[in-house]
PDB file of N, CA and C in Angstrom:
ATOM      1  N   VAL A   1     101.195  69.783  93.750  1.00  0.00           N
ATOM      2  CA  VAL A   1     102.000  69.080  94.712  1.00  0.00           C
ATOM      3  C   VAL A   1     102.883  68.059  94.024  1.00  0.00           C
ATOM      4  N   PRO A   2     104.135  68.128  94.135  1.00  0.00           N
ATOM      5  CA  PRO A   2     104.985  67.122  93.460  1.00  0.00           C
ATOM      6  C   PRO A   2     104.858  65.868  93.801  1.00  0.00           C
ATOM      7  N   ALA A   3     104.735  65.667  95.065  1.00  0.00           N
ATOM      8  CA  ALA A   3     104.611  64.065  95.474  1.00  0.00           C
ATOM      9  C   ALA A   3     103.760  64.196  96.790  1.00  0.00           C
ATOM     10  N   THR A   4     103.018  63.047  97.102  1.00  0.00           N
ATOM     11  CA  THR A   4     102.319  62.774  98.280  1.00  0.00           C
ATOM     12  C   THR A   4     103.024  62.985  99.467  1.00  0.00           C
ATOM     13  N   GLY A   5     102.594  63.801 100.337  1.00  0.00           N
ATOM     14  CA  GLY A   5     103.340  63.871 101.789  1.00  0.00           C
ATOM     15  C   GLY A   5     102.934  65.086 102.569  1.00  0.00           C
ATOM     16  N   ASP A   6     103.625  65.447 103.634  1.00  0.00           N
ATOM     17  CA  ASP A   6     103.193  66.418 104.718  1.00  0.00           C
ATOM     18  C   ASP A   6     103.818  67.667 104.167  1.00  0.00           C
ATOM     19  N   TYR A   7     103.058  68.845 104.221  1.00  0.00           N
ATOM     20  CA  TYR A   7     103.480  70.200 103.689  1.00  0.00           C
ATOM     21  C   TYR A   7     103.164  71.221 104.612  1.00  0.00           C
ATOM     22  N   ARG A   8     103.715  72.203 104.856  1.00  0.00           N
ATOM     23  CA  ARG A   8     103.440  73.441 105.638  1.00  0.00           C
ATOM     24  C   ARG A   8     103.236  74.478 104.723  1.00  0.00           C
ATOM     25  N   LEU A   9     102.209  75.000 104.834  1.00  0.00           N
ATOM     26  CA  LEU A   9     101.628  76.405 104.206  1.00  0.00           C
ATOM     27  C   LEU A   9     102.583  77.579 104.820  1.00  0.00           C
ATOM     28  N   TYR A  10     103.202  78.645 104.052  1.00  0.00           N
ATOM     29  CA  TYR A  10     103.771  79.688 104.749  1.00  0.00           C
ATOM     30  C   TYR A  10     103.287  80.883 103.848  1.00  0.00           C
ATOM     31  N   ALA A  11     103.374  81.963 104.337  1.00  0.00           N
ATOM     32  CA  ALA A  11     103.045  83.296 103.593  1.00  0.00           C
ATOM     33  C   ALA A  11     103.727  84.450 104.185  1.00  0.00           C
ATOM     34  N   ARG A  12     103.951  85.354 103.316  1.00  0.00           N
ATOM     35  CA  ARG A  12     104.772  86.700 103.822  1.00  0.00           C
ATOM     36  C   ARG A  12     103.758  87.705 103.859  1.00  0.00           C
ATOM     37  N   VAL A  13     103.456  88.033 105.237  1.00  0.00           N
ATOM     38  CA  VAL A  13     102.025  88.928 105.596  1.00  0.00           C
ATOM     39  C   VAL A  13     102.424  90.233 106.146  1.00  0.00           C
ATOM     40  N   PHE A  14     101.486  91.193 106.095  1.00  0.00           N
ATOM     41  CA  PHE A  14     101.559  92.423 106.786  1.00  0.00           C
ATOM     42  C   PHE A  14     100.321  92.670 107.580  1.00  0.00           C
ATOM     43  N   TRP A  15     100.373  93.006 108.903  1.00  0.00           N
ATOM     44  CA  TRP A  15      99.297  93.148 109.621  1.00  0.00           C
ATOM     45  C   TRP A  15      99.424  94.600 109.880  1.00  0.00           C
ATOM     46  N   GLU A  16      98.124  95.466 109.684  1.00  0.00           N
ATOM     47  CA  GLU A  16      98.022  96.703 110.138  1.00  0.00           C
ATOM     48  C   GLU A  16      98.150  97.004 111.453  1.00  0.00           C
ATOM     49  N   ASP A  17      97.424  96.237 112.364  1.00  0.00           N
ATOM     50  CA  ASP A  17      97.489  96.473 113.447  1.00  0.00           C
ATOM     51  C   ASP A  17      96.715  95.297 114.548  1.00  0.00           C
ATOM     52  N   GLY A  18      96.508  95.376 115.821  1.00  0.00           N
ATOM     53  CA  GLY A  18      95.928  94.134 116.558  1.00  0.00           C
ATOM     54  C   GLY A  18      94.854  93.700 116.086  1.00  0.00           C
ATOM     55  N   CYS A  19      93.833  94.342 115.406  1.00  0.00           N
ATOM     56  CA  CYS A  19      92.633  93.933 115.040  1.00  0.00           C
ATOM     57  C   CYS A  19      92.928  93.192 113.578  1.00  0.00           C
ATOM     58  N   SER A  20      93.911  93.109 112.857  1.00  0.00           N
ATOM     59  CA  SER A  20      94.138  92.317 111.775  1.00  0.00           C
ATOM     60  C   SER A  20      95.430  91.586 111.783  1.00  0.00           C
ATOM     61  N   ASN A  21      95.362  90.502 112.522  1.00  0.00           N
ATOM     62  CA  ASN A  21      96.744  89.665 112.638  1.00  0.00           C
ATOM     63  C   ASN A  21      96.652  88.143 112.461  1.00  0.00           C
ATOM     64  N   SER A  22      95.501  87.735 111.622  1.00  0.00           N
ATOM     65  CA  SER A  22      95.506  86.492 111.361  1.00  0.00           C
ATOM     66  C   SER A  22      94.844  86.160 109.916  1.00  0.00           C
ATOM     67  N   LEU A  23      94.997  85.145 109.435  1.00  0.00           N
ATOM     68  CA  LEU A  23      94.336  84.602 108.293  1.00  0.00           C
ATOM     69  C   LEU A  23      94.488  83.108 108.267  1.00  0.00           C
ATOM     70  N   ALA A  24      93.495  82.383 107.467  1.00  0.00           N
ATOM     71  CA  ALA A  24      93.369  80.876 107.639  1.00  0.00           C
ATOM     72  C   ALA A  24      93.643  80.438 105.972  1.00  0.00           C
ATOM     73  N   MET A  25      94.173  79.276 105.870  1.00  0.00           N
ATOM     74  CA  MET A  25      94.430  78.500 104.709  1.00  0.00           C
ATOM     75  C   MET A  25      93.826  77.333 104.806  1.00  0.00           C
ATOM     76  N   GLU A  26      92.841  76.999 103.827  1.00  0.00           N
ATOM     77  CA  GLU A  26      92.094  75.663 103.804  1.00  0.00           C
ATOM     78  C   GLU A  26      92.252  74.829 102.600  1.00  0.00           C
ATOM     79  N   SER A  27      92.370  73.678 102.811  1.00  0.00           N
ATOM     80  CA  SER A  27      92.266  72.644 101.435  1.00  0.00           C
ATOM     81  C   SER A  27      91.598  71.445 101.878  1.00  0.00           C
ATOM     82  N   GLU A  28      91.500  70.461 101.113  1.00  0.00           N
ATOM     83  CA  GLU A  28      90.607  69.333 101.474  1.00  0.00           C
ATOM     84  C   GLU A  28      91.205  68.718 102.753  1.00  0.00           C
ATOM     85  N   ALA A  29      92.499  68.860 102.891  1.00  0.00           N
ATOM     86  CA  ALA A  29      93.219  68.201 104.016  1.00  0.00           C
ATOM     87  C   ALA A  29      93.057  68.841 105.298  1.00  0.00           C
ATOM     88  N   GLY A  30      92.372  69.890 105.429  1.00  0.00           N
ATOM     89  CA  GLY A  30      92.295  70.620 106.535  1.00  0.00           C
ATOM     90  C   GLY A  30      92.622  72.128 106.511  1.00  0.00           C
ATOM     91  N   MET A  31      92.553  72.843 107.617  1.00  0.00           N
ATOM     92  CA  MET A  31      92.866  74.213 107.636  1.00  0.00           C
ATOM     93  C   MET A  31      93.893  74.557 108.644  1.00  0.00           C
ATOM     94  N   VAL A  32      94.550  75.665 108.461  1.00  0.00           N
ATOM     95  CA  VAL A  32      95.517  76.027 109.263  1.00  0.00           C
ATOM     96  C   VAL A  32      95.326  77.706 109.447  1.00  0.00           C
ATOM     97  N   VAL A  33      95.730  78.116 110.492  1.00  0.00           N
ATOM     98  CA  VAL A  33      95.557  79.733 110.725  1.00  0.00           C
ATOM     99  C   VAL A  33      97.091  80.160 111.051  1.00  0.00           C
ATOM    100  N   LEU A  34      97.318  81.254 110.264  1.00  0.00           N
ATOM    101  CA  LEU A  34      98.679  81.909 110.645  1.00  0.00           C
ATOM    102  C   LEU A  34      98.509  83.144 111.360  1.00  0.00           C
ATOM    103  N   SER A  35      99.137  83.461 112.405  1.00  0.00           N
ATOM    104  CA  SER A  35      98.873  84.463 113.165  1.00  0.00           C
ATOM    105  C   SER A  35     100.240  84.992 113.816  1.00  0.00           C
ATOM    106  N   SER A  36     100.404  86.382 114.296  1.00  0.00           N
ATOM    107  CA  SER A  36     101.400  86.836 115.033  1.00  0.00           C
ATOM    108  C   SER A  36     101.053  88.198 115.666  1.00  0.00           C
ATOM    109  N   ASP A  37     101.993  88.552 116.462  1.00  0.00           N
ATOM    110  CA  ASP A  37     101.821  89.994 117.117  1.00  0.00           C
ATOM    111  C   ASP A  37     102.951  90.834 116.594  1.00  0.00           C
ATOM    112  N   ILE A  38     103.324  90.599 115.215  1.00  0.00           N
ATOM    113  CA  ILE A  38     104.100  91.635 114.659  1.00  0.00           C
ATOM    114  C   ILE A  38     103.387  92.436 113.661  1.00  0.00           C
ATOM    115  N   PHE A  39     103.371  93.820 114.008  1.00  0.00           N
ATOM    116  CA  PHE A  39     102.610  94.748 113.229  1.00  0.00           C
ATOM    117  C   PHE A  39     103.304  95.763 112.362  1.00  0.00           C
ATOM    118  N   SER A  40     102.681  96.368 111.387  1.00  0.00           N
ATOM    119  CA  SER A  40     103.372  97.336 110.525  1.00  0.00           C
ATOM    120  C   SER A  40     104.465  96.924 109.855  1.00  0.00           C
ATOM    121  N   ARG A  41     104.754  95.746 109.444  1.00  0.00           N
ATOM    122  CA  ARG A  41     105.924  95.327 108.636  1.00  0.00           C
ATOM    123  C   ARG A  41     105.879  94.054 108.254  1.00  0.00           C
ATOM    124  N   TRP A  42     106.447  93.668 106.906  1.00  0.00           N
ATOM    125  CA  TRP A  42     106.336  92.444 106.200  1.00  0.00           C
ATOM    126  C   TRP A  42     107.044  91.416 107.196  1.00  0.00           C
ATOM    127  N   HIS A  43     106.626  90.320 107.261  1.00  0.00           N
ATOM    128  CA  HIS A  43     107.459  89.149 107.773  1.00  0.00           C
ATOM    129  C   HIS A  43     106.497  87.747 107.380  1.00  0.00           C
ATOM    130  N   THR A  44     107.397  86.733 107.447  1.00  0.00           N
ATOM    131  CA  THR A  44     106.889  85.387 106.994  1.00  0.00           C
ATOM    132  C   THR A  44     106.633  84.517 108.033  1.00  0.00           C
ATOM    133  N   LEU A  45     105.547  83.820 108.044  1.00  0.00           N
ATOM    134  CA  LEU A  45     104.837  82.895 108.849  1.00  0.00           C
ATOM    135  C   LEU A  45     104.806  81.737 108.350  1.00  0.00           C
ATOM    136  N   ARG A  46     105.187  80.531 109.037  1.00  0.00           N
ATOM    137  CA  ARG A  46     104.921  79.251 108.658  1.00  0.00           C
ATOM    138  C   ARG A  46     103.758  78.563 109.609  1.00  0.00           C
ATOM    139  N   ALA A  47     102.838  77.807 109.104  1.00  0.00           N
ATOM    140  CA  ALA A  47     101.971  77.065 109.753  1.00  0.00           C
ATOM    141  C   ALA A  47     102.411  76.135 111.005  1.00  0.00           C
ATOM    142  N   ALA A  48     101.758  75.880 112.074  1.00  0.00           N
ATOM    143  CA  ALA A  48     102.266  75.238 113.280  1.00  0.00           C
ATOM    144  C   ALA A  48     102.249  73.816 112.848  1.00  0.00           C
ATOM    145  N   ARG A  49     101.262  73.316 112.033  1.00  0.00           N
ATOM    146  CA  ARG A  49     101.299  71.999 111.578  1.00  0.00           C
ATOM    147  C   ARG A  49     101.141  71.757 110.316  1.00  0.00           C
ATOM    148  N   ALA A  50     101.410  70.565 109.846  1.00  0.00           N
ATOM    149  CA  ALA A  50     101.553  70.365 108.291  1.00  0.00           C
ATOM    150  C   ALA A  50     100.302  69.697 107.752  1.00  0.00           C
ATOM    151  N   LEU A  51     100.050  69.878 106.540  1.00  0.00           N
ATOM    152  CA  LEU A  51      98.821  69.127 106.072  1.00  0.00           C
ATOM    153  C   LEU A  51      99.284  67.862 105.282  1.00  0.00           C
ATOM    154  N   SER A  52      98.585  66.916 105.237  1.00  0.00           N
ATOM    155  CA  SER A  52      98.914  65.759 104.384  1.00  0.00           C
ATOM    156  C   SER A  52      98.163  65.920 102.956  1.00  0.00           C
ATOM    157  N   LEU A  53      98.971  66.127 101.970  1.00  0.00           N
ATOM    158  CA  LEU A  53      98.403  66.396 100.562  1.00  0.00           C
ATOM    159  C   LEU A  53      98.730  65.394  99.852  1.00  0.00           C
ATOM    160  N   GLU A  54      97.972  65.086  98.940  1.00  0.00           N
ATOM    161  CA  GLU A  54      98.277  64.011  97.541  1.00  0.00           C
ATOM    162  C   GLU A  54      98.930  64.788  96.525  1.00  0.00           C
ATOM    163  N   GLU A  55      99.711  63.814  95.853  1.00  0.00           N
ATOM    164  CA  GLU A  55     100.352  64.441  94.682  1.00  0.00           C
ATOM    165  C   GLU A  55      99.354  64.972  93.499  1.00  0.00           C
ATOM    166  N   GLY A  56      99.618  65.902  92.829  1.00  0.00           N
ATOM    167  CA  GLY A  56      98.669  66.648  91.882  1.00  0.00           C
ATOM    168  C   GLY A  56      98.415  67.985  92.253  1.00  0.00           C
ATOM    169  N   GLU A  57      97.260  68.361  91.470  1.00  0.00           N
ATOM    170  CA  GLU A  57      96.796  69.998  91.574  1.00  0.00           C
ATOM    171  C   GLU A  57      95.949  69.854  93.003  1.00  0.00           C
ATOM    172  N   GLN A  58      96.149  70.978  93.686  1.00  0.00           N
ATOM    173  CA  GLN A  58      95.372  71.116  95.012  1.00  0.00           C
ATOM    174  C   GLN A  58      94.730  72.481  95.034  1.00  0.00           C
ATOM    175  N   THR A  59      93.437  72.753  95.532  1.00  0.00           N
ATOM    176  CA  THR A  59      92.956  73.807  95.676  1.00  0.00           C
ATOM    177  C   THR A  59      93.289  74.465  97.068  1.00  0.00           C
ATOM    178  N   ILE A  60      93.883  75.552  97.173  1.00  0.00           N
ATOM    179  CA  ILE A  60      94.072  76.261  98.655  1.00  0.00           C
ATOM    180  C   ILE A  60      93.140  77.371  98.711  1.00  0.00           C
ATOM    181  N   ILE A  61      92.237  77.621  99.669  1.00  0.00           N
ATOM    182  CA  ILE A  61      91.408  78.688  99.724  1.00  0.00           C
ATOM    183  C   ILE A  61      92.187  79.630 100.919  1.00  0.00           C
ATOM    184  N   ILE A  62      92.312  80.883 100.631  1.00  0.00           N
ATOM    185  CA  ILE A  62      92.897  81.775 101.704  1.00  0.00           C
ATOM    186  C   ILE A  62      91.656  82.545 102.345  1.00  0.00           C
ATOM    187  N   ARG A  63      91.673  82.522 103.561  1.00  0.00           N
ATOM    188  CA  ARG A  63      90.411  83.234 104.168  1.00  0.00           C
ATOM    189  C   ARG A  63      90.838  84.407 104.890  1.00  0.00           C
ATOM    190  N   ASN A  64      90.479  85.643 104.532  1.00  0.00           N
ATOM    191  CA  ASN A  64      90.763  86.775 105.512  1.00  0.00           C
ATOM    192  C   ASN A  64      89.953  86.741 106.832  1.00  0.00           C
ATOM    193  N   LEU A  65      90.443  86.767 107.935  1.00  0.00           N
ATOM    194  CA  LEU A  65      89.816  86.684 108.965  1.00  0.00           C
ATOM    195  C   LEU A  65      89.402  88.091 109.700  1.00  0.00           C
ATOM    196  N   GLU A  66      90.074  89.082 109.280  1.00  0.00           N
ATOM    197  CA  GLU A  66      89.957  90.490 109.728  1.00  0.00           C
ATOM    198  C   GLU A  66      90.303  91.422 108.649  1.00  0.00           C
ATOM    199  N   ASP A  67      89.958  92.560 108.717  1.00  0.00           N
ATOM    200  CA  ASP A  67      90.439  93.602 107.898  1.00  0.00           C
ATOM    201  C   ASP A  67      91.815  93.962 108.056  1.00  0.00           C
ATOM    202  N   GLY A  68      92.442  94.530 106.976  1.00  0.00           N
ATOM    203  CA  GLY A  68      93.883  95.066 107.184  1.00  0.00           C
ATOM    204  C   GLY A  68      94.826  94.037 106.883  1.00  0.00           C
ATOM    205  N   VAL A  69      94.407  92.851 106.554  1.00  0.00           N
ATOM    206  CA  VAL A  69      95.619  91.740 106.256  1.00  0.00           C
ATOM    207  C   VAL A  69      96.009  91.851 104.656  1.00  0.00           C
ATOM    208  N   ARG A  70      97.492  91.757 104.654  1.00  0.00           N
ATOM    209  CA  ARG A  70      97.947  91.800 103.280  1.00  0.00           C
ATOM    210  C   ARG A  70      98.853  90.585 103.142  1.00  0.00           C
ATOM    211  N   ILE A  71      98.921  90.160 102.005  1.00  0.00           N
ATOM    212  CA  ILE A  71      99.731  88.586 101.592  1.00  0.00           C
ATOM    213  C   ILE A  71     100.613  89.298 100.552  1.00  0.00           C
ATOM    214  N   ASP A  72     101.878  88.993 100.524  1.00  0.00           N
ATOM    215  CA  ASP A  72     102.606  89.283  99.380  1.00  0.00           C
ATOM    216  C   ASP A  72     102.942  87.928  98.543  1.00  0.00           C
ATOM    217  N   TYR A  73     103.143  86.798  99.285  1.00  0.00           N
ATOM    218  CA  TYR A  73     103.272  85.569  98.581  1.00  0.00           C
ATOM    219  C   TYR A  73     102.755  84.412  99.584  1.00  0.00           C
ATOM    220  N   TRP A  74     102.678  83.383  99.074  1.00  0.00           N
ATOM    221  CA  TRP A  74     102.499  82.140  99.894  1.00  0.00           C
ATOM    222  C   TRP A  74     103.012  80.761  99.223  1.00  0.00           C
ATOM    223  N   GLY A  75     103.060  79.753 100.011  1.00  0.00           N
ATOM    224  CA  GLY A  75     103.608  78.637  99.346  1.00  0.00           C
ATOM    225  C   GLY A  75     103.496  77.377 100.145  1.00  0.00           C
ATOM    226  N   LEU A  76     104.048  76.230  99.589  1.00  0.00           N
ATOM    227  CA  LEU A  76     104.054  75.006 100.418  1.00  0.00           C
ATOM    228  C   LEU A  76     105.373  74.501 100.666  1.00  0.00           C
ATOM    229  N   GLN A  77     105.870  74.280 101.657  1.00  0.00           N
ATOM    230  CA  GLN A  77     107.104  73.633 102.172  1.00  0.00           C
ATOM    231  C   GLN A  77     106.979  72.226 102.550  1.00  0.00           C
ATOM    232  N   PRO A  78     107.783  71.202 101.828  1.00  0.00           N
ATOM    233  CA  PRO A  78     107.810  69.712 102.346  1.00  0.00           C
ATOM    234  C   PRO A  78     108.363  69.729 103.736  1.00  0.00           C
ATOM    235  N   GLU A  79     107.803  68.711 104.495  1.00  0.00           N
ATOM    236  CA  GLU A  79     108.401  68.514 105.724  1.00  0.00           C
ATOM    237  C   GLU A  79     109.724  67.628 105.434  1.00  0.00           C
TER     238      GLU A  79
END
């Protein structure tokens, strides 16, 4: 993280069906869940809330909440 501040996590995802439409991203600052009802195509989701992150290296854990979730890329967007 280049500077201390609030950041929103985002990811480009593909949900196969209604049983695979969410994932969680977790850091020391908290956890956010990305979810939608868009199936069978790639789309980008942005977390509903920002995480307050300190400057420097961060560990982000991506948790697959269901089967059939694909991630193309993810990142952090400053507020």
